[in-house]
Each structure stands twice: as C-alpha cells, then as structure tokens.
C-alpha cells in the first residue's frame, strides 16, 4: 500500500483544481453578464473574450479535475473500504453529491452564457459564487475532524459563515455603489 499516499495526493490536487475552477467560473459569469450590458463594440469584444476564458477554464481545468478527483476518490475507497463504514464519510459523500449538483447547475449557467442567454443578474452570480465555499468548508472540517456527530455545530457554523458572507456582500455592494471602481 505504499502507493496509497500518492493516490491520496492526486485526489487532493484534483479537488483543489476543481474548486479553483468552481470559484473562478462564477466570477467570469459576473463579468460576462456585466459585459452584455455595455454598448458596442465593448459588449462584443469583452463578451467573446470572456466566453473563451470560461470555455477554457470549464473544459480544460474544471471538468477534468472533477472527473479525476472522483476517480482517485473511488480508488482510495476501493483500497480502504472501511472508510465507507464511518458516519462522517456518509455525510462527506452527501456534500460531494451536493457539490456535483452545484457543478451541474453551474454547467447550465455556462451553457446559457455561451449562447448569449442572460437569465441571471451579476448580483445573483456573486452570491452563487459562494455555494462552493460552503461545501468546501463542510468537507474539509469533516475530513479533518472525522466526526459526523457534531454535524449540528457544523450546520450552525455554516449558517454563521453564510451570514458573514452576506454581510460582506452587502458592505461591498454599498462600497461599489459609492465608488464603481472599487
């Protein structure tokens, strides 16, 4: 089992790059939505460049990372099947399931914007951008503490995190309203 640590390292690397993509793609959506409201030729120039950036990020980094992180995770579970008997792992896998739901919904937004269909506001996408953050916090704490018993405290912590993020968003929105260059 000397290669177990290598598999674990690859799993972590691809989890990190997957989250990097999930953190950045909604920011590109914000910029695409805002570019769609600009006058020509800025609208077309920015729109095409942002679509290209999103396409490369999504298909070269984010999707491959999601698939590879999952494959290495399955490999780890095959090598250490007793992890599946741990309650914290069940909770972690539920969060991974939520992460995939988030990923697929983000893919829908990606497809809409690639087709110049703007159904959401840039403010919505700024808030959407925090979805992966909540899942990341939950999964990291579960893996490090390996304790599903204190899930109530974890939920309370996520709610507090959500409130802090929303407060930060409101403060930043006020600052941007006063100074659009901020």
Protein backbone atom coordinates (compact mmCIF):
# COMPACT_ATOMS: atom_id res chain seq x y z
CA UNK A 1 0.00 0.00 0.00
CA UNK A 2 2.94 2.32 -0.41
CA UNK A 3 1.20 3.97 -3.37
CA UNK A 4 -1.88 4.87 -1.27
CA UNK A 5 -0.35 8.23 -0.30
CA UNK A 6 0.34 9.02 -3.97
CA UNK A 7 -3.28 8.33 -4.87
CA UNK A 8 -4.38 10.49 -1.96
CA UNK A 9 -2.06 13.30 -3.11
CA UNK A 10 -3.50 13.15 -6.64
CA UNK A 11 -7.02 13.18 -5.23
CA UNK A 12 -6.24 16.31 -3.21
CA UNK A 13 -4.55 18.04 -6.16
CA UNK A 14 -7.59 17.48 -8.37
CA UNK A 15 -10.00 18.51 -5.61
CA UNK A 16 -8.05 21.77 -5.30
CA UNK A 17 -8.06 22.43 -9.05
CA UNK A 18 -11.75 21.50 -9.25
CA UNK A 19 -12.58 24.04 -6.57
CA UNK A 20 -10.34 26.63 -8.22
CA UNK A 21 -12.47 26.26 -11.34
CA UNK A 22 -15.70 26.38 -9.35
CA UNK A 23 -14.53 29.52 -7.55
CA UNK A 24 -13.46 31.34 -10.71
CA UNK A 25 -16.16 30.41 -13.24
CA UNK A 26 -18.98 32.34 -11.49
CA UNK A 27 -16.69 35.39 -11.42
CA UNK A 28 -16.36 35.07 -15.19
CA UNK A 29 -20.16 34.81 -15.35
CA UNK A 30 -20.40 38.10 -13.42
CA UNK A 31 -18.11 39.77 -15.93
CA UNK A 32 -19.96 38.21 -18.90
CA UNK A 33 -23.31 39.47 -17.59
CA UNK A 34 -21.91 42.94 -16.97
CA UNK A 35 -20.25 42.97 -20.41
CA UNK A 36 -23.60 42.10 -22.02
CA UNK A 37 -24.95 45.42 -20.74
CA UNK A 38 -22.16 47.53 -22.25
CA UNK A 39 -22.51 49.44 -25.53
CA UNK A 40 -20.96 48.15 -28.76
CA UNK A 41 -18.15 47.37 -29.55
CA UNK A 42 -17.18 46.73 -25.89
CA UNK A 43 -20.10 44.33 -25.49
CA UNK A 44 -18.94 42.10 -28.35
CA UNK A 45 -15.21 42.28 -27.67
CA UNK A 46 -15.49 41.62 -23.95
CA UNK A 47 -18.25 39.06 -24.42
CA UNK A 48 -16.24 36.94 -26.85
CA UNK A 49 -13.07 37.10 -24.74
CA UNK A 50 -14.92 36.17 -21.54
CA UNK A 51 -16.74 33.30 -23.29
CA UNK A 52 -13.38 31.95 -24.49
CA UNK A 53 -11.87 32.25 -21.00
CA UNK A 54 -14.89 30.49 -19.45
CA UNK A 55 -14.78 27.71 -22.06
CA UNK A 56 -11.09 27.04 -21.45
CA UNK A 57 -11.48 27.13 -17.67
CA UNK A 58 -14.54 24.88 -17.72
CA UNK A 59 -13.36 22.21 -20.15
CA UNK A 60 -9.59 22.23 -19.61
CA UNK A 61 -9.46 22.62 -15.81
CA UNK A 62 -12.79 22.28 -14.03
CA UNK A 63 -14.44 19.28 -15.69
CA UNK A 64 -11.25 17.17 -15.95
CA UNK A 65 -10.44 17.97 -12.31
CA UNK A 66 -13.92 16.92 -11.17
CA UNK A 67 -13.63 13.62 -13.02
CA UNK A 68 -10.09 12.90 -11.85
CA UNK A 69 -10.84 13.86 -8.23
CA UNK A 70 -13.77 11.44 -8.31
CA UNK A 71 -11.78 8.62 -9.90
CA UNK A 72 -8.96 8.96 -7.36
CA UNK A 73 -11.55 9.10 -4.54
CA UNK A 74 -13.13 5.88 -5.76
CA UNK A 75 -9.69 4.29 -5.96
CA UNK A 76 -8.99 5.35 -2.36
CA UNK A 77 -12.29 3.85 -1.21
CA UNK A 78 -11.54 0.60 -3.03
CA UNK A 79 -8.21 0.42 -1.22
CA UNK A 80 -9.70 1.41 2.15
CA UNK A 81 -13.34 0.23 2.10
CA UNK A 82 -13.68 0.61 5.87
CA UNK A 83 -13.99 4.39 5.31
CA UNK A 84 -17.47 3.67 3.96
CA UNK A 85 -18.47 2.37 7.40
CA UNK A 86 -17.64 5.70 9.04
CA UNK A 87 -20.61 8.06 9.66
CA UNK A 88 -18.57 11.15 8.81
CA UNK A 89 -17.80 9.65 5.39
CA UNK A 90 -21.53 9.29 4.69
CA UNK A 91 -22.00 12.98 5.47
CA UNK A 92 -18.96 13.87 3.35
CA UNK A 93 -20.33 11.89 0.41
CA UNK A 94 -23.65 13.73 0.78
CA UNK A 95 -21.75 17.02 0.49
CA UNK A 96 -19.88 15.67 -2.55
CA UNK A 97 -23.27 14.86 -4.07
CA UNK A 98 -24.33 18.48 -3.38
CA UNK A 99 -21.08 19.63 -4.98
CA UNK A 100 -21.95 17.74 -8.15
CA UNK A 101 -25.44 19.30 -8.16
CA UNK A 102 -23.75 22.71 -7.83
CA UNK A 103 -21.34 21.75 -10.62
CA UNK A 104 -24.14 20.66 -12.99
CA UNK A 105 -26.18 23.79 -12.27
CA UNK A 106 -23.08 25.88 -12.94
CA UNK A 107 -22.73 23.99 -16.22
CA UNK A 108 -26.27 25.08 -17.12
CA UNK A 109 -25.32 28.72 -16.46
CA UNK A 110 -22.18 28.20 -18.53
CA UNK A 111 -24.21 26.89 -21.49
CA UNK A 112 -26.67 29.79 -21.26
CA UNK A 113 -23.94 32.40 -21.27
CA UNK A 114 -22.04 30.66 -24.08
CA UNK A 115 -25.25 31.07 -26.11
CA UNK A 116 -25.61 34.75 -25.07
CA UNK A 117 -28.64 33.95 -22.92
CA UNK A 118 -28.57 36.07 -19.77
CA UNK A 119 -31.17 34.89 -17.26
CA UNK A 120 -29.43 35.88 -14.01
CA UNK A 121 -28.04 39.13 -12.70
CA UNK A 122 -24.43 39.76 -11.83
CA UNK A 123 -25.52 40.11 -8.19
CA UNK A 124 -27.07 36.65 -8.31
CA UNK A 125 -23.83 35.21 -9.70
CA UNK A 126 -21.81 36.90 -6.97
CA UNK A 127 -23.95 35.08 -4.41
CA UNK A 128 -23.91 31.84 -6.44
CA UNK A 129 -20.13 32.03 -6.30
CA UNK A 130 -20.28 31.27 -2.57
CA UNK A 131 -22.00 27.89 -2.97
CA UNK A 132 -18.75 26.01 -3.47
CA UNK A 133 -17.31 27.81 -0.44
CA UNK A 134 -19.95 26.34 1.87
CA UNK A 135 -19.38 22.84 0.55
CA UNK A 136 -15.61 23.21 0.84
CA UNK A 137 -15.85 24.30 4.48
CA UNK A 138 -18.12 21.37 5.31
CA UNK A 139 -15.99 18.75 3.58
CA UNK A 140 -12.66 19.99 4.96
CA UNK A 141 -13.94 20.04 8.53
CA UNK A 142 -15.49 16.58 8.12
CA UNK A 143 -12.27 15.11 6.72
CA UNK A 144 -10.01 16.75 9.29
CA UNK A 145 -12.20 16.11 12.35
CA UNK A 146 -13.71 12.86 11.04
CA UNK A 147 -16.75 13.41 13.16
CA UNK A 148 -20.32 13.39 11.93
CA UNK A 149 -21.75 13.50 15.45
CA UNK A 150 -21.17 17.23 15.76
CA UNK A 151 -22.99 17.93 12.49
CA UNK A 152 -25.37 20.27 14.36
CA UNK A 153 -22.42 22.51 15.25
CA UNK A 154 -21.26 22.23 11.66
CA UNK A 155 -24.64 23.41 10.38
CA UNK A 156 -24.60 26.29 12.86
CA UNK A 157 -21.09 27.16 11.67
CA UNK A 158 -22.21 27.10 8.02
CA UNK A 159 -25.18 29.36 8.83
CA UNK A 160 -22.84 31.80 10.58
CA UNK A 161 -20.47 31.62 7.61
CA UNK A 162 -23.41 32.35 5.30
CA UNK A 163 -24.47 35.35 7.37
CA UNK A 164 -20.90 36.71 7.37
CA UNK A 165 -20.60 36.24 3.61
CA UNK A 166 -23.93 38.00 3.05
CA UNK A 167 -22.90 40.86 5.31
CA UNK A 168 -19.61 41.12 3.42
CA UNK A 169 -21.51 41.13 0.14
CA UNK A 170 -23.82 43.93 1.34
CA UNK A 171 -20.88 46.03 2.57
CA UNK A 172 -19.02 45.52 -0.70
CA UNK A 173 -22.15 46.36 -2.72
CA UNK A 174 -22.51 49.63 -0.78
CA UNK A 175 -18.86 50.44 -1.41
CA UNK A 176 -19.27 49.70 -5.15
CA UNK A 177 -22.39 51.87 -5.32
CA UNK A 178 -20.41 54.78 -3.87
CA UNK A 179 -17.28 54.05 -5.92
CA UNK A 180 -17.82 51.87 -9.04
CA UNK A 181 -14.04 51.49 -9.41
CA UNK A 182 -13.71 49.77 -6.01
